Amino acid sequence: MAWHFTFVGYSIFSFGLYASSLTVRALALDIIALTFLLLLTLTSFRWFARRLTSANWRRLHKTGVYVIWFVATYIYLGSVRHGGDAFHVVAFSLLIAAWLLRVIAWVNSRARGPVPASTAGGSST
């Protein structure tokens, strides 16, 4: 979460510097990402998490991670497209690499298929 809070802090700092060039789209995306970041942080604590079913907790966290990833990727893509420096290119590349690894893991899990009930989580004796 420290990375995400750093991202939000940078966004707020950038808002102060570049408020005149900030678009409604960028502001809306930042607010959406910040909302998910706060929800993910709060529901990582037991007091808040126990108010959600485990299925809803998983849905919230999976959706939140993808939304935050998308917003960060979208921002860095804009920087790279407009001649970004090495930091922006590396950050964008890492975000795309993380997505590709997730796709590869998903494809591999689909190729293996479901684990048979007789071997899932137990021994044969």
C-alpha atoms as a PDB file:
ATOM      1  CA  MET A   1       0.000   0.000   0.000  1.00  0.00           C
ATOM      2  CA  ALA A   2       2.969   2.323   0.487  1.00  0.00           C
ATOM      3  CA  TRP A   3       3.501   2.405  -3.295  1.00  0.00           C
ATOM      4  CA  HIS A   4      -0.128   3.376  -3.828  1.00  0.00           C
ATOM      5  CA  PHE A   5      -0.059   6.067  -1.152  1.00  0.00           C
ATOM      6  CA  THR A   6       3.104   7.442  -2.772  1.00  0.00           C
ATOM      7  CA  PHE A   7       1.223   7.489  -6.083  1.00  0.00           C
ATOM      8  CA  VAL A   8      -1.677   9.371  -4.490  1.00  0.00           C
ATOM      9  CA  GLY A   9       0.688  11.793  -2.769  1.00  0.00           C
ATOM     10  CA  TYR A  10       2.389  12.476  -6.088  1.00  0.00           C
ATOM     11  CA  SER A  11      -1.020  13.032  -7.705  1.00  0.00           C
ATOM     12  CA  ILE A  12      -1.980  15.550  -5.038  1.00  0.00           C
ATOM     13  CA  PHE A  13       1.406  17.276  -5.386  1.00  0.00           C
ATOM     14  CA  SER A  14       0.972  17.344  -9.176  1.00  0.00           C
ATOM     15  CA  PHE A  15      -2.496  18.807  -8.768  1.00  0.00           C
ATOM     16  CA  GLY A  16      -0.970  21.786  -7.004  1.00  0.00           C
ATOM     17  CA  LEU A  17       1.683  22.234  -9.688  1.00  0.00           C
ATOM     18  CA  TYR A  18      -0.361  21.493 -12.777  1.00  0.00           C
ATOM     19  CA  ALA A  19      -3.917  22.421 -11.772  1.00  0.00           C
ATOM     20  CA  SER A  20      -4.398  24.464 -14.922  1.00  0.00           C
ATOM     21  CA  SER A  21      -3.599  21.471 -17.176  1.00  0.00           C
ATOM     22  CA  LEU A  22      -5.586  18.928 -15.159  1.00  0.00           C
ATOM     23  CA  THR A  23      -8.466  17.427 -17.107  1.00  0.00           C
ATOM     24  CA  VAL A  24     -11.790  16.251 -15.764  1.00  0.00           C
ATOM     25  CA  ARG A  25     -10.886  12.709 -16.873  1.00  0.00           C
ATOM     26  CA  ALA A  26      -7.615  12.741 -14.936  1.00  0.00           C
ATOM     27  CA  LEU A  27      -9.295  14.119 -11.834  1.00  0.00           C
ATOM     28  CA  ALA A  28     -12.113  11.533 -12.046  1.00  0.00           C
ATOM     29  CA  LEU A  29      -9.612   8.683 -12.434  1.00  0.00           C
ATOM     30  CA  ASP A  30      -7.581   9.937  -9.471  1.00  0.00           C
ATOM     31  CA  ILE A  31     -10.704  10.128  -7.299  1.00  0.00           C
ATOM     32  CA  ILE A  32     -11.791   6.617  -8.326  1.00  0.00           C
ATOM     33  CA  ALA A  33      -8.331   5.196  -7.622  1.00  0.00           C
ATOM     34  CA  LEU A  34      -8.134   7.028  -4.288  1.00  0.00           C
ATOM     35  CA  THR A  35     -11.559   5.692  -3.288  1.00  0.00           C
ATOM     36  CA  PHE A  36     -10.508   2.124  -4.022  1.00  0.00           C
ATOM     37  CA  LEU A  37      -7.198   2.677  -2.243  1.00  0.00           C
ATOM     38  CA  LEU A  38      -9.006   3.834   0.887  1.00  0.00           C
ATOM     39  CA  LEU A  39     -11.481   0.925   0.719  1.00  0.00           C
ATOM     40  CA  LEU A  40      -8.674  -1.604   0.271  1.00  0.00           C
ATOM     41  CA  THR A  41      -6.731  -0.098   3.146  1.00  0.00           C
ATOM     42  CA  LEU A  42      -9.714  -0.014   5.505  1.00  0.00           C
ATOM     43  CA  THR A  43     -10.840  -3.552   4.683  1.00  0.00           C
ATOM     44  CA  SER A  44      -7.331  -4.824   5.318  1.00  0.00           C
ATOM     45  CA  PHE A  45      -8.010  -4.243   9.009  1.00  0.00           C
ATOM     46  CA  ARG A  46     -10.006  -6.937  10.820  1.00  0.00           C
ATOM     47  CA  TRP A  47     -12.640  -4.550  12.235  1.00  0.00           C
ATOM     48  CA  PHE A  48     -13.740  -3.492   8.741  1.00  0.00           C
ATOM     49  CA  ALA A  49     -13.043  -6.797   6.995  1.00  0.00           C
ATOM     50  CA  ARG A  50     -15.363  -8.808   9.229  1.00  0.00           C
ATOM     51  CA  ARG A  51     -18.278  -6.679   8.019  1.00  0.00           C
ATOM     52  CA  LEU A  52     -17.826  -8.176   4.535  1.00  0.00           C
ATOM     53  CA  THR A  53     -18.301 -11.761   3.461  1.00  0.00           C
ATOM     54  CA  SER A  54     -15.088 -13.387   2.313  1.00  0.00           C
ATOM     55  CA  ALA A  55     -16.436 -13.479  -1.258  1.00  0.00           C
ATOM     56  CA  ASN A  56     -17.205  -9.742  -1.194  1.00  0.00           C
ATOM     57  CA  TRP A  57     -13.799  -8.997   0.365  1.00  0.00           C
ATOM     58  CA  ARG A  58     -12.092 -10.913  -2.477  1.00  0.00           C
ATOM     59  CA  ARG A  59     -14.225  -9.140  -5.102  1.00  0.00           C
ATOM     60  CA  LEU A  60     -13.458  -5.721  -3.638  1.00  0.00           C
ATOM     61  CA  HIS A  61      -9.723  -6.362  -3.433  1.00  0.00           C
ATOM     62  CA  LYS A  62      -9.450  -7.920  -6.881  1.00  0.00           C
ATOM     63  CA  THR A  63     -11.448  -5.096  -8.469  1.00  0.00           C
ATOM     64  CA  GLY A  64      -9.544  -2.459  -6.506  1.00  0.00           C
ATOM     65  CA  VAL A  65      -6.143  -3.795  -7.494  1.00  0.00           C
ATOM     66  CA  TYR A  66      -7.120  -3.829 -11.162  1.00  0.00           C
ATOM     67  CA  VAL A  67      -8.624  -0.323 -11.011  1.00  0.00           C
ATOM     68  CA  ILE A  68      -5.528   1.106  -9.323  1.00  0.00           C
ATOM     69  CA  TRP A  69      -3.317  -0.740 -11.827  1.00  0.00           C
ATOM     70  CA  PHE A  70      -5.354   0.631 -14.744  1.00  0.00           C
ATOM     71  CA  VAL A  71      -5.214   4.227 -13.503  1.00  0.00           C
ATOM     72  CA  ALA A  72      -1.450   4.085 -12.900  1.00  0.00           C
ATOM     73  CA  THR A  73      -0.891   2.464 -16.309  1.00  0.00           C
ATOM     74  CA  TYR A  74      -3.078   5.043 -18.034  1.00  0.00           C
ATOM     75  CA  ILE A  75      -1.175   7.909 -16.413  1.00  0.00           C
ATOM     76  CA  TYR A  76       2.246   6.496 -17.269  1.00  0.00           C
ATOM     77  CA  LEU A  77       1.105   5.677 -20.821  1.00  0.00           C
ATOM     78  CA  GLY A  78       0.207   9.332 -21.311  1.00  0.00           C
ATOM     79  CA  SER A  79       3.649  10.357 -20.109  1.00  0.00           C
ATOM     80  CA  VAL A  80       5.399   7.813 -22.345  1.00  0.00           C
ATOM     81  CA  ARG A  81       3.367   8.846 -25.399  1.00  0.00           C
ATOM     82  CA  HIS A  82       4.376  12.457 -24.882  1.00  0.00           C
ATOM     83  CA  GLY A  83       8.105  11.755 -24.667  1.00  0.00           C
ATOM     84  CA  GLY A  84       8.380  10.692 -21.036  1.00  0.00           C
ATOM     85  CA  ASP A  85      11.688  10.322 -19.258  1.00  0.00           C
ATOM     86  CA  ALA A  86      13.339   7.022 -18.308  1.00  0.00           C
ATOM     87  CA  PHE A  87      11.432   6.765 -15.009  1.00  0.00           C
ATOM     88  CA  HIS A  88       8.047   6.917 -16.748  1.00  0.00           C
ATOM     89  CA  VAL A  89       9.107   4.391 -19.397  1.00  0.00           C
ATOM     90  CA  VAL A  90      10.392   1.963 -16.753  1.00  0.00           C
ATOM     91  CA  ALA A  91       7.290   2.399 -14.577  1.00  0.00           C
ATOM     92  CA  PHE A  92       4.983   1.825 -17.549  1.00  0.00           C
ATOM     93  CA  SER A  93       7.012  -1.220 -18.615  1.00  0.00           C
ATOM     94  CA  LEU A  94       6.820  -2.716 -15.119  1.00  0.00           C
ATOM     95  CA  LEU A  95       3.060  -2.203 -14.987  1.00  0.00           C
ATOM     96  CA  ILE A  96       2.611  -3.910 -18.377  1.00  0.00           C
ATOM     97  CA  ALA A  97       4.955  -6.736 -17.329  1.00  0.00           C
ATOM     98  CA  ALA A  98       2.909  -7.272 -14.158  1.00  0.00           C
ATOM     99  CA  TRP A  99      -0.265  -7.486 -16.253  1.00  0.00           C
ATOM    100  CA  LEU A 100       1.369  -9.955 -18.668  1.00  0.00           C
ATOM    101  CA  LEU A 101       2.466 -12.153 -15.765  1.00  0.00           C
ATOM    102  CA  ARG A 102      -1.107 -12.107 -14.448  1.00  0.00           C
ATOM    103  CA  VAL A 103      -2.441 -13.116 -17.889  1.00  0.00           C
ATOM    104  CA  ILE A 104       0.100 -15.942 -18.133  1.00  0.00           C
ATOM    105  CA  ALA A 105      -0.877 -17.214 -14.664  1.00  0.00           C
ATOM    106  CA  TRP A 106      -4.575 -17.065 -15.600  1.00  0.00           C
ATOM    107  CA  VAL A 107      -3.985 -18.958 -18.880  1.00  0.00           C
ATOM    108  CA  ASN A 108      -1.941 -21.611 -17.054  1.00  0.00           C
ATOM    109  CA  SER A 109      -4.637 -22.091 -14.413  1.00  0.00           C
ATOM    110  CA  ARG A 110      -7.309 -22.433 -17.118  1.00  0.00           C
ATOM    111  CA  ALA A 111      -5.167 -24.964 -19.011  1.00  0.00           C
ATOM    112  CA  ARG A 112      -4.721 -27.137 -15.902  1.00  0.00           C
ATOM    113  CA  GLY A 113      -8.429 -27.210 -15.222  1.00  0.00           C
ATOM    114  CA  PRO A 114     -10.109 -27.775 -11.858  1.00  0.00           C
ATOM    115  CA  VAL A 115      -8.380 -29.815  -9.186  1.00  0.00           C
ATOM    116  CA  PRO A 116     -10.241 -33.109  -8.535  1.00  0.00           C
ATOM    117  CA  ALA A 117     -12.043 -33.159  -5.172  1.00  0.00           C
ATOM    118  CA  SER A 118     -10.328 -36.397  -4.098  1.00  0.00           C
ATOM    119  CA  THR A 119      -6.838 -34.816  -4.277  1.00  0.00           C
ATOM    120  CA  ALA A 120      -7.641 -31.282  -3.203  1.00  0.00           C
ATOM    121  CA  GLY A 121      -6.076 -30.445   0.135  1.00  0.00           C
ATOM    122  CA  GLY A 122      -5.791 -33.918   1.559  1.00  0.00           C
ATOM    123  CA  SER A 123      -3.773 -37.084   1.512  1.00  0.00           C
ATOM    124  CA  SER A 124      -4.785 -40.408   0.011  1.00  0.00           C
ATOM    125  CA  THR A 125      -4.450 -42.328   3.291  1.00  0.00           C
END
